Amino acid sequence: MQSTIKIFLLFLILLPISSGCAARRTGDYSLWGTRGPYRGQVVDARTNLPIRGAAVVAAWYYELYAVVQTNTQFYDAVEVLTDDQGYFVVNAPEIERRAPSNTDFPVFTIFKPRYRFFKGWFADEKDMAERRNRPLLGVVKLEPNPIRGREAANENIPIYDDIPPEKIPNFVKAVKEYRSQIGR
């Protein structure tokens, strides 16, 4: 009985250590060892015209393994604005180089007042991993979001309560601008 308890306690000690050594995995591709910028373009979904000045936030998260569950923790974020042609470049080799071993590719949030926001990856895992060889990872098409009623408008406000506001000042400014447009 005592040896069973010792084995169980050893398992509990080694589980978080071994899980953390899995090293930045998302499916078959890994953040570890990949380099290069995340390049994309933001356009209006109806007209295909570029959207200038959209706030693009790339946020990295890592997993903390526990006995019963896995918790996702914020690691770091970078913010850029789209240029006149709707292009953006997130170049973050230092962030990814010093990231914890179980950090995933960044989650992107793209927001421009009067458009529905986008949150997620704008390319598949393979392209994210091989981004150094890709001149453009993807095009994000934002749907226009005419302001029609407070409830509908409130649903289109992306919230980041885990990222310090000083890391994403243009995003915060865009959200404030949108809130003033909807009277909130």
Protein backbone atom coordinates (compact mmCIF):
# COMPACT_ATOMS: atom_id res chain seq x y z
CA MET A 1 0.00 0.00 0.00
CA GLN A 2 2.79 2.39 0.90
CA SER A 3 4.57 1.78 -2.43
CA THR A 4 1.36 2.55 -4.32
CA ILE A 5 1.09 5.88 -2.53
CA LYS A 6 4.74 6.67 -3.32
CA ILE A 7 4.22 5.86 -7.00
CA PHE A 8 1.08 8.03 -7.09
CA LEU A 9 2.91 10.94 -5.41
CA LEU A 10 5.81 10.58 -7.86
CA PHE A 11 3.29 10.64 -10.72
CA LEU A 12 1.75 13.85 -9.34
CA ILE A 13 5.18 15.47 -9.14
CA LEU A 14 6.34 14.39 -12.61
CA LEU A 15 3.08 15.09 -14.49
CA PRO A 16 3.44 18.89 -14.61
CA ILE A 17 7.14 18.59 -15.46
CA SER A 18 6.66 16.14 -18.30
CA SER A 19 3.66 18.01 -19.68
CA GLY A 20 5.64 21.26 -19.75
CA CYS A 21 8.37 19.58 -21.78
CA ALA A 22 5.98 18.92 -24.65
CA ALA A 23 7.31 22.20 -26.09
CA ARG A 24 5.01 24.57 -27.85
CA ARG A 25 2.83 22.13 -29.69
CA THR A 26 -0.35 22.83 -31.58
CA GLY A 27 -1.32 19.76 -33.52
CA ASP A 28 1.62 18.79 -35.73
CA TYR A 29 3.35 22.18 -35.67
CA SER A 30 5.32 23.95 -33.02
CA LEU A 31 6.08 27.59 -32.19
CA TRP A 32 9.54 26.51 -31.09
CA GLY A 33 12.12 27.02 -33.79
CA THR A 34 9.86 28.98 -36.15
CA ARG A 35 10.95 32.45 -37.11
CA GLY A 36 9.72 35.22 -39.29
CA PRO A 37 7.02 37.84 -39.16
CA TYR A 38 3.27 37.29 -39.24
CA ARG A 39 2.15 39.16 -42.38
CA GLY A 40 -1.47 39.72 -43.28
CA GLN A 41 -3.92 42.07 -44.89
CA VAL A 42 -7.27 43.39 -43.66
CA VAL A 43 -9.98 44.23 -46.21
CA ASP A 44 -13.66 45.11 -46.23
CA ALA A 45 -15.61 41.87 -46.77
CA ARG A 46 -18.12 43.52 -49.11
CA THR A 47 -15.88 45.70 -51.25
CA ASN A 48 -12.49 43.97 -50.86
CA LEU A 49 -10.99 47.42 -50.32
CA PRO A 50 -8.14 47.64 -47.79
CA ILE A 51 -8.96 48.82 -44.28
CA ARG A 52 -6.46 51.39 -43.05
CA GLY A 53 -5.76 51.89 -39.35
CA ALA A 54 -7.26 48.68 -38.01
CA ALA A 55 -5.74 47.66 -34.66
CA VAL A 56 -4.09 44.23 -34.87
CA VAL A 57 -3.24 42.59 -31.55
CA ALA A 58 -1.15 39.43 -31.44
CA ALA A 59 -1.40 37.79 -28.01
CA TRP A 60 0.62 34.80 -26.88
CA TYR A 61 -0.64 32.41 -24.22
CA TYR A 62 0.90 29.38 -22.57
CA GLU A 63 -0.54 26.48 -20.67
CA LEU A 64 0.05 25.79 -16.99
CA TYR A 65 -0.44 22.12 -16.29
CA ALA A 66 -2.01 21.01 -13.04
CA VAL A 67 -3.15 17.65 -11.75
CA VAL A 68 -6.82 18.18 -12.52
CA GLN A 69 -6.86 20.81 -15.24
CA THR A 70 -4.81 22.95 -17.57
CA ASN A 71 -4.93 26.72 -17.23
CA THR A 72 -4.12 29.17 -20.01
CA GLN A 73 -2.03 32.18 -19.00
CA PHE A 74 -1.27 35.40 -20.84
CA TYR A 75 2.41 35.69 -21.80
CA ASP A 76 2.87 38.76 -24.01
CA ALA A 77 1.26 40.89 -26.72
CA VAL A 78 2.20 43.12 -29.63
CA GLU A 79 0.00 45.67 -31.35
CA VAL A 80 0.32 47.13 -34.84
CA LEU A 81 -1.92 49.15 -37.15
CA THR A 82 -2.72 48.30 -40.76
CA ASP A 83 -1.16 50.57 -43.38
CA ASP A 84 -2.86 52.37 -46.30
CA GLN A 85 -3.20 49.08 -48.20
CA GLY A 86 -4.52 47.19 -45.15
CA TYR A 87 -1.26 45.29 -44.62
CA PHE A 88 0.25 44.54 -41.25
CA VAL A 89 3.43 42.90 -40.03
CA VAL A 90 3.86 41.49 -36.53
CA ASN A 91 7.54 40.81 -36.05
CA ALA A 92 8.13 39.30 -32.61
CA PRO A 93 11.19 37.03 -32.62
CA GLU A 94 12.29 38.14 -29.15
CA ILE A 95 8.88 37.42 -27.65
CA GLU A 96 8.82 33.95 -29.16
CA ARG A 97 12.48 33.24 -28.35
CA ARG A 98 11.96 33.78 -24.63
CA ALA A 99 8.45 32.28 -24.48
CA PRO A 100 7.70 29.47 -22.05
CA SER A 101 8.04 26.02 -23.61
CA ASN A 102 4.31 25.43 -23.95
CA THR A 103 3.43 28.71 -25.66
CA ASP A 104 1.21 28.55 -28.71
CA PHE A 105 1.11 30.69 -31.87
CA PRO A 106 -0.42 34.08 -31.10
CA VAL A 107 -4.14 34.69 -31.19
CA PHE A 108 -4.93 37.69 -33.37
CA THR A 109 -7.66 40.21 -32.68
CA ILE A 110 -8.35 42.75 -35.40
CA PHE A 111 -10.65 45.65 -34.67
CA LYS A 112 -11.77 48.77 -36.49
CA PRO A 113 -14.83 50.74 -35.38
CA ARG A 114 -17.84 50.14 -37.64
CA TYR A 115 -16.62 46.61 -38.50
CA ARG A 116 -17.16 43.28 -36.79
CA PHE A 117 -13.97 42.26 -35.05
CA PHE A 118 -11.93 39.17 -35.94
CA LYS A 119 -10.36 36.89 -33.35
CA GLY A 120 -8.31 33.79 -34.07
CA TRP A 121 -5.69 32.68 -36.57
CA PHE A 122 -5.83 34.06 -40.10
CA ALA A 123 -3.77 31.15 -41.47
CA ASP A 124 -3.52 27.44 -40.74
CA GLU A 125 -0.88 25.92 -38.42
CA LYS A 126 1.39 24.85 -41.27
CA ASP A 127 1.51 28.36 -42.72
CA MET A 128 2.01 29.87 -39.25
CA ALA A 129 4.96 27.54 -38.68
CA GLU A 130 6.45 28.24 -42.12
CA ARG A 131 5.72 31.97 -42.12
CA ARG A 132 9.33 32.90 -42.92
CA ASN A 133 8.74 31.50 -46.42
CA ARG A 134 5.38 33.18 -46.96
CA PRO A 135 5.10 36.77 -48.21
CA LEU A 136 1.50 36.89 -46.92
CA LEU A 137 -0.11 34.46 -44.48
CA GLY A 138 -3.69 35.45 -45.15
CA VAL A 139 -6.32 38.05 -45.76
CA VAL A 140 -8.83 38.91 -43.05
CA LYS A 141 -12.17 40.13 -44.34
CA LEU A 142 -14.00 42.29 -41.83
CA GLU A 143 -17.76 42.57 -42.17
CA PRO A 144 -19.18 46.08 -41.91
CA ASN A 145 -21.16 46.51 -38.70
CA PRO A 146 -23.57 49.41 -39.01
CA ILE A 147 -24.63 50.56 -35.58
CA ARG A 148 -28.18 49.29 -35.05
CA GLY A 149 -29.23 49.30 -31.46
CA ARG A 150 -27.14 49.17 -28.36
CA GLU A 151 -27.37 45.41 -27.77
CA ALA A 152 -26.14 44.49 -31.24
CA ALA A 153 -23.36 47.06 -31.01
CA ASN A 154 -22.28 45.84 -27.57
CA GLU A 155 -21.79 42.33 -28.96
CA ASN A 156 -19.08 43.71 -31.24
CA ILE A 157 -16.77 45.01 -28.52
CA PRO A 158 -13.71 42.79 -28.11
CA ILE A 159 -12.51 42.65 -24.53
CA TYR A 160 -8.98 42.06 -23.29
CA ASP A 161 -8.94 41.98 -19.53
CA ASP A 162 -5.71 39.98 -19.37
CA ILE A 163 -3.48 42.31 -21.43
CA PRO A 164 -2.09 45.47 -19.84
CA PRO A 165 -3.66 48.47 -21.65
CA GLU A 166 -0.26 50.11 -22.18
CA LYS A 167 0.70 47.19 -24.47
CA ILE A 168 -2.28 47.85 -26.76
CA PRO A 169 -2.95 51.62 -26.75
CA ASN A 170 -4.35 51.83 -30.31
CA PHE A 171 -6.71 48.94 -29.63
CA VAL A 172 -7.92 50.61 -26.41
CA LYS A 173 -8.38 53.90 -28.29
CA ALA A 174 -10.39 52.18 -31.07
CA VAL A 175 -12.66 50.49 -28.51
CA LYS A 176 -13.23 53.82 -26.72
CA GLU A 177 -14.03 55.47 -30.06
CA TYR A 178 -16.52 52.73 -30.88
CA ARG A 179 -18.13 52.96 -27.44
CA SER A 180 -18.61 56.70 -27.89
CA GLN A 181 -20.20 56.08 -31.30
CA ILE A 182 -22.76 53.71 -29.76
CA GLY A 183 -23.35 55.94 -26.74
CA ARG A 184 -21.72 53.73 -24.18
